[in-house]
Amino acid sequence: MHADRSSFEAYLKFLAEAANDGTPQVLETQHALSLHFDALATQSFMSRKDPDRLVLGYTRTMMGFLLLHPTPARISMIGLGGGSLAKYCYRHLPNTRIVAIEINPAVIALRDQFHIPPDDERLEVVCADGAEYVSNRNARPDVILVDGFLADGMPVQLGTADFYADCHARLTDTGVLVANFLESDPDIPLYLEEVSASFGQSISLSLSEDSCNYTLFAWKGAHKLPSLNALTARARILETAHSLNLTAAARRLKHGERLASDRAFWPKLGRSQTRY
């Protein structure tokens, strides 16, 4: 009871003192740390008991790329935040090199508070514009994870046709792009148009687990996803090594392929949808 009261008081204090100017701020309670750009939205959440656990549902859904590329050699992440995805991949994919690109040096300065490991041969944090990084670097990642946000939403440069074309060009021949969108973003139909210009019909869009977000998957090669039975069989194997509900992710991925292929459905996106 005392711990709950202490956490509630910390939250009230945070609400009263939050700058609401886009400056990264950390809310600390007895059990968790969270990253905010204002008093309303949570950018990242870390359990003190298990700092590497993926607490927010959309991050678990984004890990669905494992169903398409279970052993990536290189992952590029656009948007570091509190490092949830970087820490999970660093811990659970020991043969993968991870580069996290973060535009805001004030966010990077919080890495120790969020238990993000120091740079080494497997992890590098780069202060740069993610769109420019993808455009100018010659690196060939197997997976690109896009989770870059400002206080007022996703930066414009991370939702353009040029950006998605650059991602397609940089990915390896079996590469996968994963992007996080706010469910309420009215430009989601435009993003789908722009992604499909580079990736064709090899796209899936699903509501994320336990959160108001959509997760986009796009993969190289003009092919459809495997059957749901095949995806769930992969998920069960992967679940022996990952504390993730990848069986549910497989269902979302396959269902999202059908949604993404139905252009008549696109204008309805950016509004509240029935969850599945």
C-alpha atoms as a PDB file:
ATOM      1  CA  MET A   1       0.000   0.000   0.000  1.00  0.00           C
ATOM      2  CA  HIS A   2       2.840   2.387   0.867  1.00  0.00           C
ATOM      3  CA  ALA A   3       4.559   1.606  -2.443  1.00  0.00           C
ATOM      4  CA  ASP A   4       1.349   2.306  -4.387  1.00  0.00           C
ATOM      5  CA  ARG A   5       0.855   5.605  -2.574  1.00  0.00           C
ATOM      6  CA  SER A   6       4.473   6.573  -3.172  1.00  0.00           C
ATOM      7  CA  SER A   7       4.144   5.843  -6.900  1.00  0.00           C
ATOM      8  CA  PHE A   8       0.904   7.815  -7.106  1.00  0.00           C
ATOM      9  CA  GLU A   9       2.493  10.783  -5.381  1.00  0.00           C
ATOM     10  CA  ALA A  10       5.458  10.606  -7.770  1.00  0.00           C
ATOM     11  CA  TYR A  11       3.038  10.641 -10.699  1.00  0.00           C
ATOM     12  CA  LEU A  12       1.129  13.651  -9.340  1.00  0.00           C
ATOM     13  CA  LYS A  13       4.414  15.488  -8.822  1.00  0.00           C
ATOM     14  CA  PHE A  14       5.440  14.665 -12.379  1.00  0.00           C
ATOM     15  CA  LEU A  15       2.140  15.973 -13.772  1.00  0.00           C
ATOM     16  CA  ALA A  16       2.548  19.212 -11.851  1.00  0.00           C
ATOM     17  CA  GLU A  17       6.140  19.774 -12.942  1.00  0.00           C
ATOM     18  CA  ALA A  18       6.188  18.366 -16.491  1.00  0.00           C
ATOM     19  CA  ALA A  19       7.596  20.918 -18.916  1.00  0.00           C
ATOM     20  CA  ASN A  20       5.343  19.905 -21.858  1.00  0.00           C
ATOM     21  CA  ASP A  21       7.848  21.428 -24.273  1.00  0.00           C
ATOM     22  CA  GLY A  22       9.197  18.267 -25.883  1.00  0.00           C
ATOM     23  CA  THR A  23      12.121  17.957 -23.476  1.00  0.00           C
ATOM     24  CA  PRO A  24      12.727  14.307 -22.521  1.00  0.00           C
ATOM     25  CA  GLN A  25      11.731  13.719 -18.906  1.00  0.00           C
ATOM     26  CA  VAL A  26      11.900  10.639 -16.705  1.00  0.00           C
ATOM     27  CA  LEU A  27       9.169   9.620 -14.273  1.00  0.00           C
ATOM     28  CA  GLU A  28      10.629   7.433 -11.525  1.00  0.00           C
ATOM     29  CA  THR A  29       8.553   5.288  -9.184  1.00  0.00           C
ATOM     30  CA  GLN A  30       9.499   2.440  -6.880  1.00  0.00           C
ATOM     31  CA  HIS A  31       8.843  -0.170  -9.563  1.00  0.00           C
ATOM     32  CA  ALA A  32       9.434   1.543 -12.902  1.00  0.00           C
ATOM     33  CA  LEU A  33      10.981   4.307 -14.984  1.00  0.00           C
ATOM     34  CA  SER A  34       9.203   5.887 -17.927  1.00  0.00           C
ATOM     35  CA  LEU A  35      10.276   8.362 -20.592  1.00  0.00           C
ATOM     36  CA  HIS A  36       8.010  11.247 -21.591  1.00  0.00           C
ATOM     37  CA  PHE A  37       8.084  14.303 -23.855  1.00  0.00           C
ATOM     38  CA  ASP A  38       4.990  15.728 -22.155  1.00  0.00           C
ATOM     39  CA  ALA A  39       2.600  14.809 -19.354  1.00  0.00           C
ATOM     40  CA  LEU A  40       0.256  12.818 -21.590  1.00  0.00           C
ATOM     41  CA  ALA A  41       2.157  10.226 -23.638  1.00  0.00           C
ATOM     42  CA  THR A  42       4.608   7.536 -22.531  1.00  0.00           C
ATOM     43  CA  GLN A  43       7.513   7.044 -24.924  1.00  0.00           C
ATOM     44  CA  SER A  44       9.205   4.179 -23.090  1.00  0.00           C
ATOM     45  CA  PHE A  45       8.661   2.138 -19.936  1.00  0.00           C
ATOM     46  CA  MET A  46      11.151   0.086 -17.932  1.00  0.00           C
ATOM     47  CA  SER A  47      10.552  -2.316 -15.069  1.00  0.00           C
ATOM     48  CA  ARG A  48      13.159  -1.883 -12.340  1.00  0.00           C
ATOM     49  CA  LYS A  49      12.857  -5.587 -11.515  1.00  0.00           C
ATOM     50  CA  ASP A  50      13.508  -6.693 -15.112  1.00  0.00           C
ATOM     51  CA  PRO A  51      15.034  -3.813 -17.126  1.00  0.00           C
ATOM     52  CA  ASP A  52      15.275  -5.838 -20.353  1.00  0.00           C
ATOM     53  CA  ARG A  53      11.622  -6.936 -20.408  1.00  0.00           C
ATOM     54  CA  LEU A  54       9.416  -5.503 -23.147  1.00  0.00           C
ATOM     55  CA  VAL A  55       6.644  -3.918 -21.096  1.00  0.00           C
ATOM     56  CA  LEU A  56       4.756  -1.974 -23.768  1.00  0.00           C
ATOM     57  CA  GLY A  57       2.712  -4.151 -26.099  1.00  0.00           C
ATOM     58  CA  TYR A  58       3.736  -2.491 -29.345  1.00  0.00           C
ATOM     59  CA  THR A  59       7.396  -3.351 -28.697  1.00  0.00           C
ATOM     60  CA  ARG A  60       6.465  -7.019 -28.344  1.00  0.00           C
ATOM     61  CA  THR A  61       4.510  -6.859 -31.594  1.00  0.00           C
ATOM     62  CA  MET A  62       7.475  -5.267 -33.384  1.00  0.00           C
ATOM     63  CA  MET A  63       9.561  -8.295 -32.388  1.00  0.00           C
ATOM     64  CA  GLY A  64       7.319 -10.247 -34.754  1.00  0.00           C
ATOM     65  CA  PHE A  65      10.082  -9.712 -37.314  1.00  0.00           C
ATOM     66  CA  LEU A  66      11.582 -12.869 -35.795  1.00  0.00           C
ATOM     67  CA  LEU A  67       8.882 -14.823 -37.626  1.00  0.00           C
ATOM     68  CA  LEU A  68      10.363 -13.597 -40.919  1.00  0.00           C
ATOM     69  CA  HIS A  69      14.041 -13.282 -40.000  1.00  0.00           C
ATOM     70  CA  PRO A  70      14.841 -15.208 -36.784  1.00  0.00           C
ATOM     71  CA  THR A  71      18.630 -14.753 -36.870  1.00  0.00           C
ATOM     72  CA  PRO A  72      19.473 -11.284 -38.206  1.00  0.00           C
ATOM     73  CA  ALA A  73      23.157 -10.423 -38.457  1.00  0.00           C
ATOM     74  CA  ARG A  74      22.469  -6.672 -38.278  1.00  0.00           C
ATOM     75  CA  ILE A  75      19.593  -4.576 -36.978  1.00  0.00           C
ATOM     76  CA  SER A  76      19.247  -0.822 -37.475  1.00  0.00           C
ATOM     77  CA  MET A  77      16.895   0.918 -35.043  1.00  0.00           C
ATOM     78  CA  ILE A  78      15.615   4.425 -35.697  1.00  0.00           C
ATOM     79  CA  GLY A  79      14.666   5.936 -32.357  1.00  0.00           C
ATOM     80  CA  LEU A  80      16.356   4.875 -29.127  1.00  0.00           C
ATOM     81  CA  GLY A  81      13.972   6.186 -26.480  1.00  0.00           C
ATOM     82  CA  GLY A  82      14.460   4.233 -23.285  1.00  0.00           C
ATOM     83  CA  GLY A  83      16.164   1.464 -25.240  1.00  0.00           C
ATOM     84  CA  SER A  84      13.529  -1.241 -24.776  1.00  0.00           C
ATOM     85  CA  LEU A  85      14.033  -2.865 -28.179  1.00  0.00           C
ATOM     86  CA  ALA A  86      17.794  -2.312 -28.155  1.00  0.00           C
ATOM     87  CA  LYS A  87      18.181  -3.977 -24.753  1.00  0.00           C
ATOM     88  CA  TYR A  88      15.944  -6.910 -25.623  1.00  0.00           C
ATOM     89  CA  CYS A  89      17.737  -7.613 -28.898  1.00  0.00           C
ATOM     90  CA  TYR A  90      21.145  -7.172 -27.264  1.00  0.00           C
ATOM     91  CA  ARG A  91      20.276  -9.735 -24.612  1.00  0.00           C
ATOM     92  CA  HIS A  92      18.351 -12.286 -26.665  1.00  0.00           C
ATOM     93  CA  LEU A  93      20.079 -12.094 -30.066  1.00  0.00           C
ATOM     94  CA  PRO A  94      23.732 -12.593 -29.097  1.00  0.00           C
ATOM     95  CA  ASN A  95      24.947 -12.971 -32.696  1.00  0.00           C
ATOM     96  CA  THR A  96      23.338  -9.741 -33.893  1.00  0.00           C
ATOM     97  CA  ARG A  97      25.003  -6.344 -34.273  1.00  0.00           C
ATOM     98  CA  ILE A  98      22.675  -3.476 -33.332  1.00  0.00           C
ATOM     99  CA  VAL A  99      22.934   0.169 -34.371  1.00  0.00           C
ATOM    100  CA  ALA A 100      20.437   2.533 -32.720  1.00  0.00           C
ATOM    101  CA  ILE A 101      20.050   5.938 -34.366  1.00  0.00           C
ATOM    102  CA  GLU A 102      18.650   8.690 -32.132  1.00  0.00           C
ATOM    103  CA  ILE A 103      18.318  12.318 -33.221  1.00  0.00           C
ATOM    104  CA  ASN A 104      18.028  13.822 -29.727  1.00  0.00           C
ATOM    105  CA  PRO A 105      21.249  13.918 -27.666  1.00  0.00           C
ATOM    106  CA  ALA A 106      19.196  14.578 -24.528  1.00  0.00           C
ATOM    107  CA  VAL A 107      17.533  11.175 -24.999  1.00  0.00           C
ATOM    108  CA  ILE A 108      20.897   9.468 -25.459  1.00  0.00           C
ATOM    109  CA  ALA A 109      22.103  11.143 -22.254  1.00  0.00           C
ATOM    110  CA  LEU A 110      19.493   9.110 -20.339  1.00  0.00           C
ATOM    111  CA  ARG A 111      20.869   5.737 -21.467  1.00  0.00           C
ATOM    112  CA  ASP A 112      22.445   4.882 -18.094  1.00  0.00           C
ATOM    113  CA  GLN A 113      19.184   5.546 -16.243  1.00  0.00           C
ATOM    114  CA  PHE A 114      17.457   3.059 -18.537  1.00  0.00           C
ATOM    115  CA  HIS A 115      20.233   0.452 -18.205  1.00  0.00           C
ATOM    116  CA  ILE A 116      21.198   0.616 -21.874  1.00  0.00           C
ATOM    117  CA  PRO A 117      24.571  -1.160 -22.186  1.00  0.00           C
ATOM    118  CA  PRO A 118      27.620   0.861 -23.230  1.00  0.00           C
ATOM    119  CA  ASP A 119      28.712   0.742 -26.851  1.00  0.00           C
ATOM    120  CA  ASP A 120      30.761  -2.312 -27.790  1.00  0.00           C
ATOM    121  CA  GLU A 121      31.317  -4.545 -30.808  1.00  0.00           C
ATOM    122  CA  ARG A 122      27.626  -5.550 -30.804  1.00  0.00           C
ATOM    123  CA  LEU A 123      25.877  -2.293 -29.880  1.00  0.00           C
ATOM    124  CA  GLU A 124      26.371   1.239 -31.176  1.00  0.00           C
ATOM    125  CA  VAL A 125      24.238   4.302 -30.426  1.00  0.00           C
ATOM    126  CA  VAL A 126      24.554   7.031 -33.069  1.00  0.00           C
ATOM    127  CA  CYS A 127      23.287  10.606 -32.691  1.00  0.00           C
ATOM    128  CA  ALA A 128      21.855  11.365 -36.128  1.00  0.00           C
ATOM    129  CA  ASP A 129      18.690  11.908 -38.132  1.00  0.00           C
ATOM    130  CA  GLY A 130      17.407   8.412 -38.889  1.00  0.00           C
ATOM    131  CA  ALA A 131      16.200   9.240 -42.392  1.00  0.00           C
ATOM    132  CA  GLU A 132      19.535  10.809 -43.322  1.00  0.00           C
ATOM    133  CA  TYR A 133      21.416   7.880 -41.795  1.00  0.00           C
ATOM    134  CA  VAL A 134      19.515   5.340 -43.887  1.00  0.00           C
ATOM    135  CA  SER A 135      19.940   7.470 -46.998  1.00  0.00           C
ATOM    136  CA  ASN A 136      23.685   8.028 -46.659  1.00  0.00           C
ATOM    137  CA  ARG A 137      25.119   4.903 -45.029  1.00  0.00           C
ATOM    138  CA  ASN A 138      26.152   1.804 -46.937  1.00  0.00           C
ATOM    139  CA  ALA A 139      25.285  -0.601 -44.115  1.00  0.00           C
ATOM    140  CA  ARG A 140      23.086  -3.564 -45.121  1.00  0.00           C
ATOM    141  CA  PRO A 141      20.900  -4.485 -42.142  1.00  0.00           C
ATOM    142  CA  ASP A 142      18.654  -7.517 -42.154  1.00  0.00           C
ATOM    143  CA  VAL A 143      16.053  -5.644 -40.100  1.00  0.00           C
ATOM    144  CA  ILE A 144      15.181  -1.955 -39.772  1.00  0.00           C
ATOM    145  CA  LEU A 145      13.001  -1.021 -36.781  1.00  0.00           C
ATOM    146  CA  VAL A 146      11.420   2.444 -36.965  1.00  0.00           C
ATOM    147  CA  ASP A 147      10.137   3.816 -33.658  1.00  0.00           C
ATOM    148  CA  GLY A 148      11.035   7.489 -33.792  1.00  0.00           C
ATOM    149  CA  PHE A 149       8.694  10.016 -32.187  1.00  0.00           C
ATOM    150  CA  LEU A 150       8.628  13.627 -31.073  1.00  0.00           C
ATOM    151  CA  ALA A 151       6.176  15.129 -28.593  1.00  0.00           C
ATOM    152  CA  ASP A 152       3.691  15.828 -31.408  1.00  0.00           C
ATOM    153  CA  GLY A 153       4.040  12.511 -33.201  1.00  0.00           C
ATOM    154  CA  MET A 154       6.206  10.836 -35.811  1.00  0.00           C
ATOM    155  CA  PRO A 155       8.753  13.090 -37.551  1.00  0.00           C
ATOM    156  CA  VAL A 156       7.740  13.928 -41.120  1.00  0.00           C
ATOM    157  CA  GLN A 157      10.956  12.535 -42.604  1.00  0.00           C
ATOM    158  CA  LEU A 158      10.169   9.042 -41.278  1.00  0.00           C
ATOM    159  CA  GLY A 159       6.941   8.819 -43.268  1.00  0.00           C
ATOM    160  CA  THR A 160       7.966   9.728 -46.809  1.00  0.00           C
ATOM    161  CA  ALA A 161       8.224   7.719 -50.010  1.00  0.00           C
ATOM    162  CA  ASP A 162      11.931   8.550 -50.209  1.00  0.00           C
ATOM    163  CA  PHE A 163      12.525   7.201 -46.707  1.00  0.00           C
ATOM    164  CA  TYR A 164      10.772   3.904 -47.408  1.00  0.00           C
ATOM    165  CA  ALA A 165      12.614   3.594 -50.720  1.00  0.00           C
ATOM    166  CA  ASP A 166      15.907   4.129 -48.889  1.00  0.00           C
ATOM    167  CA  CYS A 167      14.959   1.449 -46.349  1.00  0.00           C
ATOM    168  CA  HIS A 168      14.165  -0.963 -49.182  1.00  0.00           C
ATOM    169  CA  ALA A 169      17.502  -0.198 -50.846  1.00  0.00           C
ATOM    170  CA  ARG A 170      19.506  -0.654 -47.644  1.00  0.00           C
ATOM    171  CA  LEU A 171      17.925  -3.912 -46.489  1.00  0.00           C
ATOM    172  CA  THR A 172      19.493  -7.216 -47.438  1.00  0.00           C
ATOM    173  CA  ASP A 173      17.686  -9.353 -50.008  1.00  0.00           C
ATOM    174  CA  THR A 174      15.656 -11.063 -47.262  1.00  0.00           C
ATOM    175  CA  GLY A 175      15.367  -7.942 -45.105  1.00  0.00           C
ATOM    176  CA  VAL A 176      12.386  -6.764 -43.060  1.00  0.00           C
ATOM    177  CA  LEU A 177      11.182  -3.244 -42.251  1.00  0.00           C
ATOM    178  CA  VAL A 178       9.060  -2.760 -39.113  1.00  0.00           C
ATOM    179  CA  ALA A 179       7.495   0.594 -38.212  1.00  0.00           C
ATOM    180  CA  ASN A 180       5.404   1.770 -35.276  1.00  0.00           C
ATOM    181  CA  PHE A 181       2.469   4.108 -35.991  1.00  0.00           C
ATOM    182  CA  LEU A 182       0.028   5.759 -33.620  1.00  0.00           C
ATOM    183  CA  GLU A 183      -3.450   4.321 -34.128  1.00  0.00           C
ATOM    184  CA  SER A 184      -4.898   7.841 -34.447  1.00  0.00           C
ATOM    185  CA  ASP A 185      -2.440   9.018 -37.127  1.00  0.00           C
ATOM    186  CA  PRO A 186      -4.597  10.162 -40.084  1.00  0.00           C
ATOM    187  CA  ASP A 187      -1.676   9.709 -42.486  1.00  0.00           C
ATOM    188  CA  ILE A 188      -1.507   5.910 -42.157  1.00  0.00           C
ATOM    189  CA  PRO A 189      -3.180   5.402 -45.585  1.00  0.00           C
ATOM    190  CA  LEU A 190      -0.494   7.649 -47.095  1.00  0.00           C
ATOM    191  CA  TYR A 191       2.271   5.644 -45.392  1.00  0.00           C
ATOM    192  CA  LEU A 192       0.824   2.451 -46.859  1.00  0.00           C
ATOM    193  CA  GLU A 193       0.807   3.977 -50.346  1.00  0.00           C
ATOM    194  CA  GLU A 194       4.425   5.035 -49.941  1.00  0.00           C
ATOM    195  CA  VAL A 195       5.580   1.705 -48.506  1.00  0.00           C
ATOM    196  CA  SER A 196       3.804  -0.281 -51.223  1.00  0.00           C
ATOM    197  CA  ALA A 197       5.569   1.820 -53.876  1.00  0.00           C
ATOM    198  CA  SER A 198       8.822   0.164 -52.765  1.00  0.00           C
ATOM    199  CA  PHE A 199       7.742  -3.137 -51.232  1.00  0.00           C
ATOM    200  CA  GLY A 200       4.760  -3.949 -53.461  1.00  0.00           C
ATOM    201  CA  GLN A 201       2.243  -6.250 -51.797  1.00  0.00           C
ATOM    202  CA  SER A 202       4.783  -7.598 -49.310  1.00  0.00           C
ATOM    203  CA  ILE A 203       3.298  -5.636 -46.414  1.00  0.00           C
ATOM    204  CA  SER A 204       1.221  -6.280 -43.308  1.00  0.00           C
ATOM    205  CA  LEU A 205      -0.429  -3.824 -40.913  1.00  0.00           C
ATOM    206  CA  SER A 206      -1.800  -4.965 -37.577  1.00  0.00           C
ATOM    207  CA  LEU A 207      -3.024  -3.434 -34.356  1.00  0.00           C
ATOM    208  CA  SER A 208      -0.316  -3.857 -31.772  1.00  0.00           C
ATOM    209  CA  GLU A 209      -0.656  -5.937 -28.643  1.00  0.00           C
ATOM    210  CA  ASP A 210      -2.266  -4.093 -25.717  1.00  0.00           C
ATOM    211  CA  SER A 211      -1.666  -0.608 -27.113  1.00  0.00           C
ATOM    212  CA  CYS A 212      -3.075   2.147 -29.327  1.00  0.00           C
ATOM    213  CA  ASN A 213      -0.578   1.583 -32.112  1.00  0.00           C
ATOM    214  CA  TYR A 214      -0.322  -0.077 -35.488  1.00  0.00           C
ATOM    215  CA  THR A 215       2.702  -2.148 -36.478  1.00  0.00           C
ATOM    216  CA  LEU A 216       3.745  -2.186 -40.119  1.00  0.00           C
ATOM    217  CA  PHE A 217       5.797  -5.076 -41.515  1.00  0.00           C
ATOM    218  CA  ALA A 218       7.288  -4.921 -45.019  1.00  0.00           C
ATOM    219  CA  TRP A 219       9.691  -7.469 -46.455  1.00  0.00           C
ATOM    220  CA  LYS A 220      11.925  -7.753 -49.502  1.00  0.00           C
ATOM    221  CA  GLY A 221      10.799 -10.010 -52.297  1.00  0.00           C
ATOM    222  CA  ALA A 222       7.508 -10.251 -54.189  1.00  0.00           C
ATOM    223  CA  HIS A 223       5.943 -12.967 -52.096  1.00  0.00           C
ATOM    224  CA  LYS A 224       3.137 -13.479 -49.641  1.00  0.00           C
ATOM    225  CA  LEU A 225       3.588 -14.590 -46.062  1.00  0.00           C
ATOM    226  CA  PRO A 226       3.636 -18.302 -45.268  1.00  0.00           C
ATOM    227  CA  SER A 227       0.354 -19.832 -44.148  1.00  0.00           C
ATOM    228  CA  LEU A 228      -0.897 -19.145 -40.631  1.00  0.00           C
ATOM    229  CA  ASN A 229      -0.115 -22.745 -39.696  1.00  0.00           C
ATOM    230  CA  ALA A 230       3.470 -22.315 -40.865  1.00  0.00           C
ATOM    231  CA  LEU A 231       3.851 -19.005 -39.016  1.00  0.00           C
ATOM    232  CA  THR A 232       2.465 -20.412 -35.772  1.00  0.00           C
ATOM    233  CA  ALA A 233       4.783 -23.414 -36.060  1.00  0.00           C
ATOM    234  CA  ARG A 234       7.715 -20.997 -36.330  1.00  0.00           C
ATOM    235  CA  ALA A 235       6.349 -19.047 -33.385  1.00  0.00           C
ATOM    236  CA  ARG A 236       6.237 -22.096 -31.128  1.00  0.00           C
ATOM    237  CA  ILE A 237       9.878 -22.862 -31.889  1.00  0.00           C
ATOM    238  CA  LEU A 238      10.936 -19.258 -31.251  1.00  0.00           C
ATOM    239  CA  GLU A 239       8.972 -19.116 -28.001  1.00  0.00           C
ATOM    240  CA  THR A 240      11.375 -21.644 -26.495  1.00  0.00           C
ATOM    241  CA  ALA A 241      14.044 -18.906 -26.617  1.00  0.00           C
ATOM    242  CA  HIS A 242      11.935 -15.745 -26.286  1.00  0.00           C
ATOM    243  CA  SER A 243       9.532 -14.712 -23.535  1.00  0.00           C
ATOM    244  CA  LEU A 244       7.151 -13.304 -26.140  1.00  0.00           C
ATOM    245  CA  ASN A 245       3.724 -14.396 -27.332  1.00  0.00           C
ATOM    246  CA  LEU A 246       4.884 -14.918 -30.889  1.00  0.00           C
ATOM    247  CA  THR A 247       1.915 -17.170 -31.623  1.00  0.00           C
ATOM    248  CA  ALA A 248      -0.342 -14.143 -31.173  1.00  0.00           C
ATOM    249  CA  ALA A 249       2.123 -12.083 -33.212  1.00  0.00           C
ATOM    250  CA  ALA A 250       1.833 -14.645 -36.025  1.00  0.00           C
ATOM    251  CA  ARG A 251      -1.948 -14.259 -36.071  1.00  0.00           C
ATOM    252  CA  ARG A 252      -1.637 -10.471 -36.113  1.00  0.00           C
ATOM    253  CA  LEU A 253       0.940 -10.599 -38.886  1.00  0.00           C
ATOM    254  CA  LYS A 254      -1.197 -12.823 -41.111  1.00  0.00           C
ATOM    255  CA  HIS A 255      -4.386 -10.883 -40.421  1.00  0.00           C
ATOM    256  CA  GLY A 256      -2.517  -7.651 -41.100  1.00  0.00           C
ATOM    257  CA  GLU A 257      -1.478  -8.938 -44.523  1.00  0.00           C
ATOM    258  CA  ARG A 258      -5.131  -9.207 -45.485  1.00  0.00           C
ATOM    259  CA  LEU A 259      -5.882  -5.722 -44.135  1.00  0.00           C
ATOM    260  CA  ALA A 260      -2.950  -4.171 -45.977  1.00  0.00           C
ATOM    261  CA  SER A 261      -4.024  -5.776 -49.258  1.00  0.00           C
ATOM    262  CA  ASP A 262      -7.546  -4.302 -48.968  1.00  0.00           C
ATOM    263  CA  ARG A 263      -7.169  -0.741 -50.266  1.00  0.00           C
ATOM    264  CA  ALA A 264     -10.856  -0.095 -49.618  1.00  0.00           C
ATOM    265  CA  PHE A 265     -10.049  -0.448 -45.910  1.00  0.00           C
ATOM    266  CA  TRP A 266      -7.218   2.098 -45.904  1.00  0.00           C
ATOM    267  CA  PRO A 267      -9.385   5.252 -45.586  1.00  0.00           C
ATOM    268  CA  LYS A 268     -10.757   3.851 -42.313  1.00  0.00           C
ATOM    269  CA  LEU A 269      -7.303   3.763 -40.764  1.00  0.00           C
ATOM    270  CA  GLY A 270      -6.267   6.465 -38.315  1.00  0.00           C
ATOM    271  CA  ARG A 271      -9.517   5.930 -36.426  1.00  0.00           C
ATOM    272  CA  SER A 272     -10.392   3.578 -33.586  1.00  0.00           C
ATOM    273  CA  GLN A 273     -10.731   0.009 -34.885  1.00  0.00           C
ATOM    274  CA  THR A 274     -12.137  -3.199 -33.488  1.00  0.00           C
ATOM    275  CA  ARG A 275      -9.281  -5.152 -31.946  1.00  0.00           C
ATOM    276  CA  TYR A 276      -8.548  -8.797 -32.639  1.00  0.00           C
END
